[in-house]
Amino acid sequence: MKIRVGLEGRDEIAVECAETGVSAPGAPMGAVKFVSFVGCWDFMNMMQKMKKSFGADIAKWPVPQGQDHGSLLLREMVLKLRGEWQFPYEHAEICHCRSVATQLVDQAVIAGAHTPEVVTRQTSASTACGTCKPDVQKIIDYRLGKTAS
């Protein structure tokens, strides 16, 4: 099974895992067979340091706590490999008034839009009725590792 996480056109982590025979949501992935990563200098440097410090099995790496794009992508990959990734919004479109895709909002958050106001400026989500603003905030909070209050 292959898993890819990335910031479109910039940074990406790709992992190939052994099949476990378990396909239940939230189940950990099988053993990591192959890892590749590409991206900017900061991202590549972070990945190399993590590999040197913790070995080749990304699933065993500590969950990054940083808010830079590299840390957010690595956090997603580690949690997916452990079966702990639970993205807070399940629909493809988050803003129905402006037809804004959830992926567009998520990519903006990864790239540094860490407040609803910045996400709105970059994506136009929540510029009409505003009912999607709480869902935008949930994505920001989840990506940044904040727990629900």
C-alpha atoms as a PDB file:
ATOM      1  CA  MET A   1       0.000   0.000   0.000  1.00  0.00           C
ATOM      2  CA  LYS A   2       1.286   3.481  -0.882  1.00  0.00           C
ATOM      3  CA  ILE A   3       0.623   6.631   1.125  1.00  0.00           C
ATOM      4  CA  ARG A   4       1.491  10.112  -0.063  1.00  0.00           C
ATOM      5  CA  VAL A   5       1.223  13.389   1.811  1.00  0.00           C
ATOM      6  CA  GLY A   6       2.331  16.691   0.440  1.00  0.00           C
ATOM      7  CA  LEU A   7       2.011  20.325  -0.308  1.00  0.00           C
ATOM      8  CA  GLU A   8       1.089  20.329  -3.974  1.00  0.00           C
ATOM      9  CA  GLY A   9       3.971  21.238  -6.231  1.00  0.00           C
ATOM     10  CA  ARG A  10       6.383  21.675  -3.329  1.00  0.00           C
ATOM     11  CA  ASP A  11       7.054  18.987  -0.750  1.00  0.00           C
ATOM     12  CA  GLU A  12       6.018  15.345  -0.578  1.00  0.00           C
ATOM     13  CA  ILE A  13       6.563  12.225   1.500  1.00  0.00           C
ATOM     14  CA  ALA A  14       5.726   8.878  -0.108  1.00  0.00           C
ATOM     15  CA  VAL A  15       5.758   5.626   1.839  1.00  0.00           C
ATOM     16  CA  GLU A  16       5.165   2.093   0.651  1.00  0.00           C
ATOM     17  CA  CYS A  17       3.990  -0.320   3.346  1.00  0.00           C
ATOM     18  CA  ALA A  18       3.570  -4.064   3.445  1.00  0.00           C
ATOM     19  CA  GLU A  19      -0.028  -5.252   3.226  1.00  0.00           C
ATOM     20  CA  THR A  20      -1.449  -6.278   6.609  1.00  0.00           C
ATOM     21  CA  GLY A  21      -4.713  -7.807   5.458  1.00  0.00           C
ATOM     22  CA  VAL A  22      -6.530  -5.406   7.807  1.00  0.00           C
ATOM     23  CA  SER A  23      -8.342  -2.612   6.024  1.00  0.00           C
ATOM     24  CA  ALA A  24     -10.317  -1.190   8.939  1.00  0.00           C
ATOM     25  CA  PRO A  25     -10.331   2.595   9.316  1.00  0.00           C
ATOM     26  CA  GLY A  26      -7.797   3.647  11.915  1.00  0.00           C
ATOM     27  CA  ALA A  27      -5.795   0.418  11.651  1.00  0.00           C
ATOM     28  CA  PRO A  28      -2.013   0.868  11.620  1.00  0.00           C
ATOM     29  CA  MET A  29      -0.243   0.305   8.330  1.00  0.00           C
ATOM     30  CA  GLY A  30       2.085  -2.621   7.729  1.00  0.00           C
ATOM     31  CA  ALA A  31       5.856  -2.441   7.964  1.00  0.00           C
ATOM     32  CA  VAL A  32       7.447   0.409   6.027  1.00  0.00           C
ATOM     33  CA  LYS A  33       9.193  -0.979   2.934  1.00  0.00           C
ATOM     34  CA  PHE A  34      10.197   2.191   1.094  1.00  0.00           C
ATOM     35  CA  VAL A  35      10.286   5.936   1.866  1.00  0.00           C
ATOM     36  CA  SER A  36      10.950   8.835  -0.464  1.00  0.00           C
ATOM     37  CA  PHE A  37      10.736  12.551   0.097  1.00  0.00           C
ATOM     38  CA  VAL A  38      11.254  15.592  -2.090  1.00  0.00           C
ATOM     39  CA  GLY A  39      10.960  19.278  -1.429  1.00  0.00           C
ATOM     40  CA  CYS A  40      12.570  22.492  -0.319  1.00  0.00           C
ATOM     41  CA  TRP A  41      15.882  22.647   1.507  1.00  0.00           C
ATOM     42  CA  ASP A  42      14.282  23.064   4.967  1.00  0.00           C
ATOM     43  CA  PHE A  43      11.997  20.095   4.401  1.00  0.00           C
ATOM     44  CA  MET A  44      14.762  17.853   3.063  1.00  0.00           C
ATOM     45  CA  ASN A  45      17.080  18.852   5.912  1.00  0.00           C
ATOM     46  CA  MET A  46      14.398  18.081   8.521  1.00  0.00           C
ATOM     47  CA  MET A  47      13.675  14.688   6.971  1.00  0.00           C
ATOM     48  CA  GLN A  48      17.374  13.771   6.805  1.00  0.00           C
ATOM     49  CA  LYS A  49      17.903  14.749  10.461  1.00  0.00           C
ATOM     50  CA  MET A  50      14.857  12.727  11.560  1.00  0.00           C
ATOM     51  CA  LYS A  51      16.025   9.694   9.580  1.00  0.00           C
ATOM     52  CA  LYS A  52      19.512   9.959  11.069  1.00  0.00           C
ATOM     53  CA  SER A  53      18.153  10.357  14.618  1.00  0.00           C
ATOM     54  CA  PHE A  54      15.304   7.831  14.574  1.00  0.00           C
ATOM     55  CA  GLY A  55      16.021   5.360  11.755  1.00  0.00           C
ATOM     56  CA  ALA A  56      14.207   4.614   8.505  1.00  0.00           C
ATOM     57  CA  ASP A  57      10.811   3.569   9.912  1.00  0.00           C
ATOM     58  CA  ILE A  58       8.787   6.796   9.922  1.00  0.00           C
ATOM     59  CA  ALA A  59       5.991   5.152  11.930  1.00  0.00           C
ATOM     60  CA  LYS A  60       8.375   5.000  14.897  1.00  0.00           C
ATOM     61  CA  TRP A  61       9.404   8.643  14.697  1.00  0.00           C
ATOM     62  CA  PRO A  62       8.047  11.077  17.304  1.00  0.00           C
ATOM     63  CA  VAL A  63       5.086  13.166  16.177  1.00  0.00           C
ATOM     64  CA  PRO A  64       6.421  16.619  15.214  1.00  0.00           C
ATOM     65  CA  GLN A  65       4.982  19.532  17.183  1.00  0.00           C
ATOM     66  CA  GLY A  66       6.142  22.354  14.897  1.00  0.00           C
ATOM     67  CA  GLN A  67       3.837  24.546  12.805  1.00  0.00           C
ATOM     68  CA  ASP A  68       5.993  24.808   9.684  1.00  0.00           C
ATOM     69  CA  HIS A  69       4.820  22.987   6.569  1.00  0.00           C
ATOM     70  CA  GLY A  70       7.398  20.206   6.913  1.00  0.00           C
ATOM     71  CA  SER A  71       6.342  19.395  10.461  1.00  0.00           C
ATOM     72  CA  LEU A  72       2.662  19.412   9.481  1.00  0.00           C
ATOM     73  CA  LEU A  73       3.276  16.997   6.606  1.00  0.00           C
ATOM     74  CA  LEU A  74       5.457  14.693   8.680  1.00  0.00           C
ATOM     75  CA  ARG A  75       2.883  14.744  11.499  1.00  0.00           C
ATOM     76  CA  GLU A  76       0.224  13.606   9.017  1.00  0.00           C
ATOM     77  CA  MET A  77       2.411  10.780   7.699  1.00  0.00           C
ATOM     78  CA  VAL A  78       3.418   9.500  11.146  1.00  0.00           C
ATOM     79  CA  LEU A  79      -0.198   9.516  12.341  1.00  0.00           C
ATOM     80  CA  LYS A  80      -1.439   7.815   9.150  1.00  0.00           C
ATOM     81  CA  LEU A  81       1.162   5.060   9.497  1.00  0.00           C
ATOM     82  CA  ARG A  82       0.099   4.524  13.109  1.00  0.00           C
ATOM     83  CA  GLY A  83      -3.611   4.505  12.201  1.00  0.00           C
ATOM     84  CA  GLU A  84      -4.200   7.645  14.268  1.00  0.00           C
ATOM     85  CA  TRP A  85      -4.968  10.207  11.531  1.00  0.00           C
ATOM     86  CA  GLN A  86      -8.564  11.429  11.920  1.00  0.00           C
ATOM     87  CA  PHE A  87      -9.019  14.450   9.661  1.00  0.00           C
ATOM     88  CA  PRO A  88     -11.853  16.570  11.139  1.00  0.00           C
ATOM     89  CA  TYR A  89     -13.857  17.155   7.955  1.00  0.00           C
ATOM     90  CA  GLU A  90     -15.002  14.386   5.641  1.00  0.00           C
ATOM     91  CA  HIS A  91     -16.655  16.180   2.708  1.00  0.00           C
ATOM     92  CA  ALA A  92     -14.853  17.181  -0.498  1.00  0.00           C
ATOM     93  CA  GLU A  93     -16.308  20.701  -0.430  1.00  0.00           C
ATOM     94  CA  ILE A  94     -16.080  22.797   2.725  1.00  0.00           C
ATOM     95  CA  CYS A  95     -17.656  26.063   1.515  1.00  0.00           C
ATOM     96  CA  HIS A  96     -20.788  25.451  -0.492  1.00  0.00           C
ATOM     97  CA  CYS A  97     -21.507  29.150  -1.105  1.00  0.00           C
ATOM     98  CA  ARG A  98     -18.181  29.657  -2.897  1.00  0.00           C
ATOM     99  CA  SER A  99     -17.601  26.036  -3.996  1.00  0.00           C
ATOM    100  CA  VAL A 100     -14.300  25.844  -2.115  1.00  0.00           C
ATOM    101  CA  ALA A 101     -12.764  22.382  -1.897  1.00  0.00           C
ATOM    102  CA  THR A 102     -11.688  21.084   1.508  1.00  0.00           C
ATOM    103  CA  GLN A 103      -8.310  20.177   0.006  1.00  0.00           C
ATOM    104  CA  LEU A 104      -7.734  23.818  -0.993  1.00  0.00           C
ATOM    105  CA  VAL A 105      -8.347  24.965   2.589  1.00  0.00           C
ATOM    106  CA  ASP A 106      -6.141  22.178   3.953  1.00  0.00           C
ATOM    107  CA  GLN A 107      -3.300  23.056   1.567  1.00  0.00           C
ATOM    108  CA  ALA A 108      -3.559  26.718   2.614  1.00  0.00           C
ATOM    109  CA  VAL A 109      -3.251  25.707   6.271  1.00  0.00           C
ATOM    110  CA  ILE A 110      -0.211  23.535   5.553  1.00  0.00           C
ATOM    111  CA  ALA A 111       1.365  26.437   3.657  1.00  0.00           C
ATOM    112  CA  GLY A 112       0.952  28.763   6.651  1.00  0.00           C
ATOM    113  CA  ALA A 113      -2.617  30.082   6.796  1.00  0.00           C
ATOM    114  CA  HIS A 114      -3.104  29.424  10.507  1.00  0.00           C
ATOM    115  CA  THR A 115      -6.145  31.632  11.187  1.00  0.00           C
ATOM    116  CA  PRO A 116      -9.630  31.572   9.618  1.00  0.00           C
ATOM    117  CA  GLU A 117      -9.089  35.129   8.365  1.00  0.00           C
ATOM    118  CA  VAL A 118      -5.945  34.173   6.430  1.00  0.00           C
ATOM    119  CA  VAL A 119      -7.625  31.028   5.048  1.00  0.00           C
ATOM    120  CA  THR A 120     -10.538  33.213   3.914  1.00  0.00           C
ATOM    121  CA  ARG A 121      -8.202  35.657   2.135  1.00  0.00           C
ATOM    122  CA  GLN A 122      -6.368  32.854   0.369  1.00  0.00           C
ATOM    123  CA  THR A 123      -9.291  30.582  -0.548  1.00  0.00           C
ATOM    124  CA  SER A 124     -12.513  32.682  -0.301  1.00  0.00           C
ATOM    125  CA  ALA A 125     -14.004  30.096   2.084  1.00  0.00           C
ATOM    126  CA  SER A 126     -16.402  31.746   4.591  1.00  0.00           C
ATOM    127  CA  THR A 127     -16.835  34.947   2.582  1.00  0.00           C
ATOM    128  CA  ALA A 128     -20.575  34.517   2.061  1.00  0.00           C
ATOM    129  CA  CYS A 129     -22.743  33.005   4.816  1.00  0.00           C
ATOM    130  CA  GLY A 130     -19.871  31.984   7.132  1.00  0.00           C
ATOM    131  CA  THR A 131     -21.339  28.662   8.248  1.00  0.00           C
ATOM    132  CA  CYS A 132     -18.151  26.850   7.214  1.00  0.00           C
ATOM    133  CA  LYS A 133     -15.930  29.001   9.454  1.00  0.00           C
ATOM    134  CA  PRO A 134     -16.128  26.537  12.410  1.00  0.00           C
ATOM    135  CA  ASP A 135     -15.076  23.692  10.088  1.00  0.00           C
ATOM    136  CA  VAL A 136     -12.177  25.781   8.774  1.00  0.00           C
ATOM    137  CA  GLN A 137     -11.134  26.369  12.399  1.00  0.00           C
ATOM    138  CA  LYS A 138     -11.355  22.614  13.115  1.00  0.00           C
ATOM    139  CA  ILE A 139      -8.973  21.917  10.217  1.00  0.00           C
ATOM    140  CA  ILE A 140      -6.545  24.584  11.454  1.00  0.00           C
ATOM    141  CA  ASP A 141      -6.676  23.229  15.006  1.00  0.00           C
ATOM    142  CA  TYR A 142      -6.200  19.634  13.890  1.00  0.00           C
ATOM    143  CA  ARG A 143      -3.316  20.463  11.588  1.00  0.00           C
ATOM    144  CA  LEU A 144      -1.586  22.468  14.334  1.00  0.00           C
ATOM    145  CA  GLY A 145      -2.065  19.673  16.864  1.00  0.00           C
ATOM    146  CA  LYS A 146      -4.499  21.580  19.066  1.00  0.00           C
ATOM    147  CA  THR A 147      -7.065  19.509  20.909  1.00  0.00           C
ATOM    148  CA  ALA A 148     -10.745  20.355  20.965  1.00  0.00           C
ATOM    149  CA  SER A 149     -11.839  22.299  24.020  1.00  0.00           C
END
